[in-house]
Amino acid sequence: MTGLKPRAEILVLKPNYKSATVERPRQFNVMRNRHFKRAIFLTLMVLCIMISPGPDTHYESIPGRIETVHAQTRSFYEGKTVRLIIGPGGGYDYWGRLLARYMAKHIPGNPAFIVQNMPGAGSVIATNYVYNVAKPDGLTVGMPTQQIYMGEFVGNNEVKFQMRKFFWIGSPDRNPAILYMRADAPYKSIDDVIKSKERPKCGGTGWESSSLIVALEDAIGAKFELVLGYQEANQVDLAVVRGEVICRDLGLTAHFSREPFLSWHEKGFDRHLLQTGRKRDPRAADTPTIFELMDQYKTTDINRRAVEVLTAGEQFGHPMMAPPGTPIDRVQILREAYLKAMRDPELIAEAQKARWVIEPVSGDELQAVAERIMVQPPQVVEQVKKILRVK
């Protein structure tokens, strides 16, 4: 450890027992005892420093430790380049590029950042790369889709990573979903869907992206007909305009900050049936949450937990992570830089101008979400597989 003398030098302070005898004068014994006590004291000090909290814990009470860690990290990151691997596009690409410009300011040594898009397989390709190929040295981080955990959860063979082993860095927001429907449809609320004999048609790109809609049948008795296979999410919105389908679920923030939805809201084109957050978002204050509806319809414990798994993506938001094995001091520096960037007035101004809501989630919080969601009883896993049509 920097600044500490080797153990051998400290041990030199110990008395020479071979030359000490009981016949020595009292004055020599007193001196010997003093040297012995001093040796014990110094040894205890060294042990205290060695077992003091690491850089992944709170160490505000020992500023010298902070200075040492930051000095070491500065020497590591200075002149280096951090690669940010982004799997999906849209909001993930926006946040990745924005954070790449601001995080560097808050990392000791001010490394450069480069962004590399690696699309495909719902972020599985990018996430496999970060987990298995990228060197875990603090110079590679990734941003997958918020639903990236589902592949591992249901046992997808293409998945070659474990969510709980990543070091999660942070997220700029939580990203709950909202289920919208054309306003001219005969369904004014989720209750109308439950009571209806005819199932409303909702569109989607695949089972995973529409898993919430599928889960509503077992959870609260709301039955929908799904039309899947659209190549991109915006094609589903176009299908809604054309009347091929009348509903879709998507991220709430995008729904309230992007076209065509802004124009839709001005014209009263759509209405909102439910949202997935634990509490109502102020932008959809009159729209019930799925958790309110499950309370109302007394959803069984297994189905409730299945819905919690399926909607856990909103807790990840637009997450960033580092590979397993990354040195913990560099993980801590990245996490600190992330949160400092999210408090940077210039970043906040840019995000607000683009109509993004900032609600930072720490790396520790994301780590806890991964731990909680990925450990479920077999009955819940089987129910989620049933909903997603996984055999």
Protein backbone atom coordinates (compact mmCIF):
# COMPACT_ATOMS: atom_id res chain seq x y z
CA MET A 1 0.00 0.00 0.00
CA THR A 2 1.40 3.39 -1.01
CA GLY A 3 3.19 5.24 1.78
CA LEU A 4 3.60 2.23 4.07
CA LYS A 5 7.00 0.76 5.03
CA PRO A 6 7.53 -2.93 4.34
CA ARG A 7 6.65 -5.21 7.21
CA ALA A 8 10.33 -6.25 7.63
CA GLU A 9 11.35 -2.67 8.46
CA ILE A 10 8.68 -2.45 11.14
CA LEU A 11 9.68 -5.75 12.66
CA VAL A 12 13.23 -4.44 13.16
CA LEU A 13 11.79 -2.44 16.03
CA LYS A 14 11.20 -5.65 17.99
CA PRO A 15 13.67 -6.34 20.81
CA ASN A 16 16.43 -8.97 20.50
CA TYR A 17 15.20 -11.63 22.89
CA LYS A 18 18.43 -13.67 22.68
CA SER A 19 20.45 -10.87 24.25
CA ALA A 20 17.93 -10.16 26.99
CA THR A 21 18.31 -11.91 30.39
CA VAL A 22 16.69 -11.48 33.77
CA GLU A 23 20.03 -10.36 35.18
CA ARG A 24 19.95 -7.16 33.08
CA PRO A 25 19.71 -3.94 35.07
CA ARG A 26 16.23 -2.44 35.64
CA GLN A 27 17.02 0.53 33.37
CA PHE A 28 17.63 -1.77 30.40
CA ASN A 29 14.35 -3.64 31.07
CA VAL A 30 12.42 -0.35 31.08
CA MET A 31 14.00 0.65 27.74
CA ARG A 32 13.30 -2.79 26.32
CA ASN A 33 9.65 -2.57 27.37
CA ARG A 34 9.32 0.83 25.76
CA HIS A 35 10.70 -0.47 22.46
CA PHE A 36 8.45 -3.51 22.65
CA LYS A 37 5.32 -1.41 23.30
CA ARG A 38 6.26 0.94 20.47
CA ALA A 39 6.65 -2.03 18.11
CA ILE A 40 3.23 -3.37 19.10
CA PHE A 41 1.66 0.08 18.65
CA LEU A 42 3.14 0.55 15.18
CA THR A 43 2.14 -2.96 14.14
CA LEU A 44 -1.46 -2.33 15.24
CA MET A 45 -1.50 0.90 13.25
CA VAL A 46 -0.39 -0.95 10.14
CA LEU A 47 -3.06 -3.62 10.66
CA CYS A 48 -5.74 -0.96 11.09
CA ILE A 49 -4.74 0.64 7.81
CA MET A 50 -4.65 -2.72 6.02
CA ILE A 51 -8.18 -3.66 7.14
CA SER A 52 -9.64 -0.21 6.68
CA PRO A 53 -12.65 -0.01 4.29
CA GLY A 54 -11.88 -0.40 0.62
CA PRO A 55 -12.79 2.09 -2.07
CA ASP A 56 -16.24 0.55 -2.48
CA THR A 57 -17.30 1.62 1.01
CA HIS A 58 -17.78 4.90 2.82
CA TYR A 59 -14.41 6.30 3.80
CA GLU A 60 -15.10 9.98 4.30
CA SER A 61 -13.51 9.76 7.75
CA ILE A 62 -10.06 8.98 6.27
CA PRO A 63 -9.38 11.63 3.62
CA GLY A 64 -5.83 10.43 3.11
CA ARG A 65 -7.24 7.16 1.78
CA ILE A 66 -9.43 9.03 -0.72
CA GLU A 67 -6.48 11.05 -1.97
CA THR A 68 -4.43 7.89 -2.44
CA VAL A 69 -7.17 6.08 -4.38
CA HIS A 70 -7.87 9.08 -6.60
CA ALA A 71 -4.18 9.64 -7.22
CA GLN A 72 -3.74 6.02 -8.29
CA THR A 73 -6.82 6.23 -10.53
CA ARG A 74 -5.64 9.50 -12.04
CA SER A 75 -2.36 7.90 -13.01
CA PHE A 76 -4.30 4.98 -14.53
CA TYR A 77 -6.91 6.96 -16.52
CA GLU A 78 -4.64 9.78 -17.65
CA GLY A 79 -4.07 9.49 -21.40
CA LYS A 80 -6.43 6.49 -21.66
CA THR A 81 -9.66 5.99 -23.63
CA VAL A 82 -12.88 4.53 -22.23
CA ARG A 83 -15.08 2.61 -24.68
CA LEU A 84 -18.84 2.77 -24.24
CA ILE A 85 -20.60 -0.15 -25.98
CA ILE A 86 -24.26 0.62 -26.73
CA GLY A 87 -26.66 -2.16 -27.73
CA PRO A 88 -29.99 -0.47 -28.52
CA GLY A 89 -30.67 2.85 -30.23
CA GLY A 90 -33.16 5.58 -29.37
CA GLY A 91 -32.94 6.87 -25.82
CA TYR A 92 -30.06 4.56 -24.97
CA ASP A 93 -27.94 6.03 -27.74
CA TYR A 94 -28.91 9.55 -26.69
CA TRP A 95 -27.99 9.01 -23.05
CA GLY A 96 -24.82 7.09 -23.89
CA ARG A 97 -23.44 9.87 -26.08
CA LEU A 98 -24.46 12.56 -23.62
CA LEU A 99 -22.82 10.78 -20.68
CA ALA A 100 -19.68 10.05 -22.71
CA ARG A 101 -19.17 13.81 -23.07
CA TYR A 102 -19.71 14.62 -19.40
CA MET A 103 -18.35 11.66 -17.43
CA ALA A 104 -14.79 12.29 -18.59
CA LYS A 105 -14.81 15.65 -16.78
CA HIS A 106 -15.39 13.88 -13.47
CA ILE A 107 -12.89 11.01 -13.75
CA PRO A 108 -9.41 11.70 -12.34
CA GLY A 109 -7.05 11.94 -15.30
CA ASN A 110 -9.87 13.01 -17.68
CA PRO A 111 -9.75 10.08 -20.12
CA ALA A 112 -11.26 10.29 -23.59
CA PHE A 113 -14.55 8.49 -24.31
CA ILE A 114 -15.55 6.80 -27.55
CA VAL A 115 -19.00 5.38 -28.29
CA GLN A 116 -19.37 2.12 -30.21
CA ASN A 117 -22.80 0.92 -31.30
CA MET A 118 -23.18 -2.87 -31.30
CA PRO A 119 -26.83 -3.61 -32.18
CA GLY A 120 -28.48 -6.99 -32.51
CA ALA A 121 -30.50 -9.64 -30.64
CA GLY A 122 -32.11 -7.14 -28.27
CA SER A 123 -28.70 -6.04 -26.86
CA VAL A 124 -27.60 -9.63 -26.22
CA ILE A 125 -24.68 -9.30 -28.67
CA ALA A 126 -23.39 -6.14 -26.97
CA THR A 127 -23.92 -7.53 -23.47
CA ASN A 128 -22.20 -10.82 -24.31
CA TYR A 129 -19.25 -8.79 -25.61
CA VAL A 130 -18.93 -6.69 -22.46
CA TYR A 131 -19.18 -9.78 -20.25
CA ASN A 132 -16.90 -12.17 -22.15
CA VAL A 133 -14.62 -10.23 -24.48
CA ALA A 134 -13.98 -6.76 -23.07
CA LYS A 135 -10.99 -6.52 -20.77
CA PRO A 136 -12.18 -5.83 -17.19
CA ASP A 137 -9.81 -2.95 -16.58
CA GLY A 138 -12.20 -0.03 -16.14
CA LEU A 139 -11.78 1.06 -19.77
CA THR A 140 -14.94 -0.59 -21.15
CA VAL A 141 -18.54 -0.03 -20.07
CA GLY A 142 -21.80 -1.00 -21.73
CA MET A 143 -25.39 0.15 -22.07
CA PRO A 144 -27.93 -2.60 -22.82
CA THR A 145 -31.69 -2.41 -23.09
CA GLN A 146 -33.57 -2.29 -19.79
CA GLN A 147 -35.10 -5.70 -20.60
CA ILE A 148 -31.71 -7.39 -21.00
CA TYR A 149 -32.26 -9.51 -17.88
CA MET A 150 -35.17 -11.42 -19.44
CA GLY A 151 -33.00 -13.62 -21.66
CA GLU A 152 -31.04 -14.97 -18.72
CA PHE A 153 -34.17 -15.25 -16.61
CA VAL A 154 -35.92 -17.61 -19.03
CA GLY A 155 -32.77 -19.52 -20.00
CA ASN A 156 -32.13 -18.17 -23.51
CA ASN A 157 -29.20 -20.16 -24.95
CA GLU A 158 -27.83 -17.09 -26.73
CA VAL A 159 -27.24 -15.36 -23.40
CA LYS A 160 -23.66 -15.82 -22.15
CA PHE A 161 -23.72 -13.53 -19.14
CA GLN A 162 -25.05 -13.28 -15.59
CA MET A 163 -26.75 -10.04 -14.56
CA ARG A 164 -25.67 -10.28 -10.93
CA LYS A 165 -21.97 -10.44 -11.84
CA PHE A 166 -21.86 -7.14 -13.70
CA PHE A 167 -20.80 -4.01 -11.84
CA TRP A 168 -23.71 -1.64 -12.40
CA ILE A 169 -22.63 1.99 -12.76
CA GLY A 170 -25.90 3.92 -12.84
CA SER A 171 -28.94 5.02 -14.82
CA PRO A 172 -30.15 8.54 -15.65
CA ASP A 173 -33.75 7.66 -14.94
CA ARG A 174 -36.35 5.08 -14.22
CA ASN A 175 -38.30 4.20 -17.33
CA PRO A 176 -41.79 2.89 -16.57
CA ALA A 177 -44.02 1.84 -19.44
CA ILE A 178 -47.45 3.13 -20.35
CA LEU A 179 -50.20 1.32 -22.27
CA TYR A 180 -51.91 3.67 -24.70
CA MET A 181 -54.97 3.15 -26.91
CA ARG A 182 -56.66 5.11 -29.66
CA ALA A 183 -59.19 7.50 -28.13
CA ASP A 184 -61.87 6.50 -30.66
CA ALA A 185 -61.74 2.86 -29.49
CA PRO A 186 -64.68 1.69 -27.36
CA TYR A 187 -62.43 0.96 -24.36
CA LYS A 188 -62.28 3.91 -21.99
CA SER A 189 -60.42 2.11 -19.20
CA ILE A 190 -58.82 -1.22 -18.34
CA ASP A 191 -62.15 -2.19 -16.74
CA ASP A 192 -63.81 -1.95 -20.17
CA VAL A 193 -61.19 -4.32 -21.58
CA ILE A 194 -61.84 -6.82 -18.77
CA LYS A 195 -65.61 -6.72 -19.36
CA SER A 196 -65.44 -6.80 -23.16
CA LYS A 197 -66.14 -9.98 -25.14
CA GLU A 198 -63.97 -8.71 -28.00
CA ARG A 199 -60.25 -8.45 -27.42
CA PRO A 200 -58.60 -5.18 -28.48
CA LYS A 201 -55.69 -5.59 -30.89
CA CYS A 202 -52.29 -4.38 -29.65
CA GLY A 203 -49.13 -4.32 -31.75
CA GLY A 204 -45.53 -5.14 -30.89
CA THR A 205 -42.16 -6.22 -32.21
CA GLY A 206 -42.04 -9.48 -30.23
CA TRP A 207 -43.17 -11.36 -27.14
CA GLU A 208 -40.63 -9.78 -24.80
CA SER A 209 -41.50 -6.22 -25.77
CA SER A 210 -45.21 -7.00 -25.29
CA SER A 211 -44.89 -9.22 -22.23
CA LEU A 212 -46.80 -6.80 -19.99
CA ILE A 213 -49.87 -6.98 -22.25
CA VAL A 214 -49.75 -10.78 -22.19
CA ALA A 215 -49.34 -10.83 -18.41
CA LEU A 216 -52.50 -8.76 -17.87
CA GLU A 217 -54.73 -11.74 -18.72
CA ASP A 218 -53.56 -13.88 -15.80
CA ALA A 219 -52.88 -10.91 -13.52
CA ILE A 220 -56.18 -8.99 -13.73
CA GLY A 221 -58.27 -10.73 -16.40
CA ALA A 222 -57.67 -8.18 -19.20
CA LYS A 223 -57.46 -10.05 -22.51
CA PHE A 224 -55.80 -8.62 -25.62
CA GLU A 225 -55.08 -9.92 -29.10
CA LEU A 226 -51.45 -9.38 -30.05
CA VAL A 227 -50.22 -8.61 -33.55
CA LEU A 228 -46.46 -9.15 -33.50
CA GLY A 229 -43.60 -9.04 -35.98
CA TYR A 230 -43.18 -5.33 -36.65
CA GLN A 231 -39.50 -4.67 -37.34
CA GLU A 232 -39.25 -1.45 -35.35
CA ALA A 233 -41.25 0.18 -32.59
CA ASN A 234 -42.18 3.23 -34.69
CA GLN A 235 -43.79 0.86 -37.20
CA VAL A 236 -46.21 -0.18 -34.46
CA ASP A 237 -47.17 3.47 -33.93
CA LEU A 238 -47.77 3.84 -37.67
CA ALA A 239 -49.95 0.71 -37.52
CA VAL A 240 -51.99 2.39 -34.78
CA VAL A 241 -52.48 5.46 -36.99
CA ARG A 242 -53.58 3.22 -39.89
CA GLY A 243 -55.98 1.31 -37.63
CA GLU A 244 -54.30 -2.08 -38.02
CA VAL A 245 -54.00 -2.19 -34.23
CA ILE A 246 -55.33 0.18 -31.59
CA CYS A 247 -52.91 -0.11 -28.67
CA ARG A 248 -49.29 -0.50 -27.66
CA ASP A 249 -47.11 -0.23 -24.55
CA LEU A 250 -43.83 1.73 -24.53
CA GLY A 251 -41.58 3.80 -22.30
CA LEU A 252 -43.49 6.55 -20.57
CA THR A 253 -40.76 9.18 -20.99
CA ALA A 254 -40.56 8.65 -24.75
CA HIS A 255 -44.35 8.79 -24.96
CA PHE A 256 -44.41 12.23 -23.34
CA SER A 257 -41.35 13.71 -25.06
CA ARG A 258 -41.34 12.48 -28.68
CA GLU A 259 -43.29 12.69 -31.89
CA PRO A 260 -45.77 11.53 -32.97
CA PHE A 261 -47.05 11.38 -29.41
CA LEU A 262 -46.76 15.11 -28.68
CA SER A 263 -49.02 15.84 -31.66
CA TRP A 264 -51.33 13.00 -30.65
CA HIS A 265 -51.82 14.51 -27.21
CA GLU A 266 -52.62 17.93 -28.67
CA LYS A 267 -55.26 16.36 -30.92
CA GLY A 268 -56.61 13.95 -28.28
CA PHE A 269 -55.71 10.99 -30.49
CA ASP A 270 -54.91 8.53 -27.69
CA ARG A 271 -55.77 7.72 -24.08
CA HIS A 272 -53.81 5.87 -21.38
CA LEU A 273 -55.01 2.69 -19.69
CA LEU A 274 -52.24 1.87 -17.21
CA GLN A 275 -48.61 2.52 -16.27
CA THR A 276 -46.02 0.22 -14.71
CA GLY A 277 -44.34 2.42 -12.10
CA ARG A 278 -44.75 1.82 -8.39
CA LYS A 279 -46.36 5.24 -8.17
CA ARG A 280 -48.17 7.38 -10.70
CA ASP A 281 -46.00 9.55 -12.87
CA PRO A 282 -47.08 13.22 -12.73
CA ARG A 283 -47.36 13.26 -16.52
CA ALA A 284 -50.01 10.53 -16.30
CA ALA A 285 -51.53 11.39 -12.94
CA ASP A 286 -54.98 10.08 -13.91
CA THR A 287 -53.67 6.72 -15.14
CA PRO A 288 -53.66 3.82 -12.64
CA THR A 289 -50.54 1.75 -12.04
CA ILE A 290 -50.46 -1.98 -12.63
CA PHE A 291 -49.85 -2.41 -8.90
CA GLU A 292 -53.04 -0.50 -8.04
CA LEU A 293 -54.95 -2.71 -10.45
CA MET A 294 -53.46 -5.89 -8.99
CA ASP A 295 -54.57 -4.75 -5.54
CA GLN A 296 -58.04 -3.99 -6.91
CA TYR A 297 -58.41 -7.35 -8.64
CA LYS A 298 -56.65 -9.34 -5.90
CA THR A 299 -53.96 -10.85 -8.13
CA THR A 300 -52.43 -14.09 -6.83
CA ASP A 301 -48.93 -13.98 -5.36
CA ILE A 302 -47.36 -15.96 -8.24
CA ASN A 303 -48.87 -13.69 -10.89
CA ARG A 304 -47.98 -10.59 -8.93
CA ARG A 305 -44.36 -11.68 -8.71
CA ALA A 306 -44.34 -12.55 -12.41
CA VAL A 307 -45.56 -9.04 -13.21
CA GLU A 308 -42.84 -7.60 -10.94
CA VAL A 309 -40.24 -9.51 -12.95
CA LEU A 310 -41.70 -8.44 -16.29
CA THR A 311 -41.85 -4.78 -15.27
CA ALA A 312 -38.45 -4.69 -13.54
CA GLY A 313 -36.95 -3.12 -16.63
CA GLU A 314 -38.39 0.24 -15.64
CA GLN A 315 -36.18 0.13 -12.53
CA PHE A 316 -33.09 -0.29 -14.73
CA GLY A 317 -34.06 2.66 -16.93
CA HIS A 318 -31.15 3.28 -19.34
CA PRO A 319 -28.45 1.39 -17.40
CA MET A 320 -24.67 1.39 -17.67
CA MET A 321 -22.47 -1.47 -16.42
CA ALA A 322 -18.85 -2.65 -16.28
CA PRO A 323 -17.55 -6.21 -16.84
CA PRO A 324 -17.13 -8.65 -13.95
CA GLY A 325 -13.61 -8.51 -12.55
CA THR A 326 -13.19 -4.76 -12.99
CA PRO A 327 -11.04 -3.46 -10.10
CA ILE A 328 -13.37 -2.19 -7.41
CA ASP A 329 -11.60 1.16 -7.04
CA ARG A 330 -12.20 1.88 -10.73
CA VAL A 331 -15.83 0.79 -10.41
CA GLN A 332 -16.23 3.28 -7.58
CA ILE A 333 -14.60 6.06 -9.60
CA LEU A 334 -16.92 5.34 -12.55
CA ARG A 335 -19.96 5.36 -10.27
CA GLU A 336 -18.93 8.64 -8.70
CA ALA A 337 -18.24 10.20 -12.10
CA TYR A 338 -21.63 9.02 -13.33
CA LEU A 339 -23.54 10.66 -10.49
CA LYS A 340 -21.47 13.85 -10.75
CA ALA A 341 -22.20 13.99 -14.48
CA MET A 342 -25.92 13.63 -13.76
CA ARG A 343 -25.66 16.67 -11.47
CA ASP A 344 -23.70 18.71 -14.01
CA PRO A 345 -25.75 21.85 -14.85
CA GLU A 346 -24.79 21.69 -18.53
CA LEU A 347 -25.89 18.05 -18.88
CA ILE A 348 -29.15 18.82 -17.06
CA ALA A 349 -29.82 21.74 -19.40
CA GLU A 350 -29.23 19.57 -22.48
CA ALA A 351 -31.46 16.77 -21.20
CA GLN A 352 -34.27 19.14 -20.26
CA LYS A 353 -34.08 20.82 -23.64
CA ALA A 354 -34.58 17.37 -25.20
CA ARG A 355 -37.52 16.82 -22.79
CA TRP A 356 -35.90 14.04 -20.81
CA VAL A 357 -36.75 13.64 -17.14
CA ILE A 358 -33.69 13.10 -14.94
CA GLU A 359 -34.11 10.78 -11.97
CA PRO A 360 -30.64 9.28 -11.38
CA VAL A 361 -30.35 5.73 -10.07
CA SER A 362 -27.07 4.78 -8.39
CA GLY A 363 -24.99 1.73 -9.23
CA ASP A 364 -25.71 0.28 -5.79
CA GLU A 365 -29.45 0.54 -6.44
CA LEU A 366 -29.14 -1.19 -9.81
CA GLN A 367 -27.01 -3.91 -8.20
CA ALA A 368 -29.79 -4.50 -5.67
CA VAL A 369 -32.41 -4.70 -8.44
CA ALA A 370 -30.37 -7.33 -10.28
CA GLU A 371 -30.01 -9.37 -7.09
CA ARG A 372 -33.70 -9.15 -6.25
CA ILE A 373 -35.13 -9.86 -9.70
CA MET A 374 -32.84 -12.70 -10.73
CA VAL A 375 -33.49 -14.79 -7.61
CA GLN A 376 -37.05 -16.15 -7.87
CA PRO A 377 -38.77 -19.41 -6.92
CA PRO A 378 -39.30 -21.98 -9.72
CA GLN A 379 -43.06 -21.28 -9.87
CA VAL A 380 -42.44 -17.64 -10.76
CA VAL A 381 -39.86 -18.56 -13.40
CA GLU A 382 -42.32 -21.00 -14.98
CA GLN A 383 -45.10 -18.41 -14.98
CA VAL A 384 -42.87 -15.86 -16.70
CA LYS A 385 -41.88 -18.49 -19.29
CA LYS A 386 -45.57 -19.24 -19.87
CA ILE A 387 -46.32 -15.56 -20.45
CA LEU A 388 -43.40 -15.22 -22.87
CA ARG A 389 -44.26 -18.47 -24.68
CA VAL A 390 -40.90 -19.98 -23.72
CA LYS A 391 -40.81 -23.78 -23.69
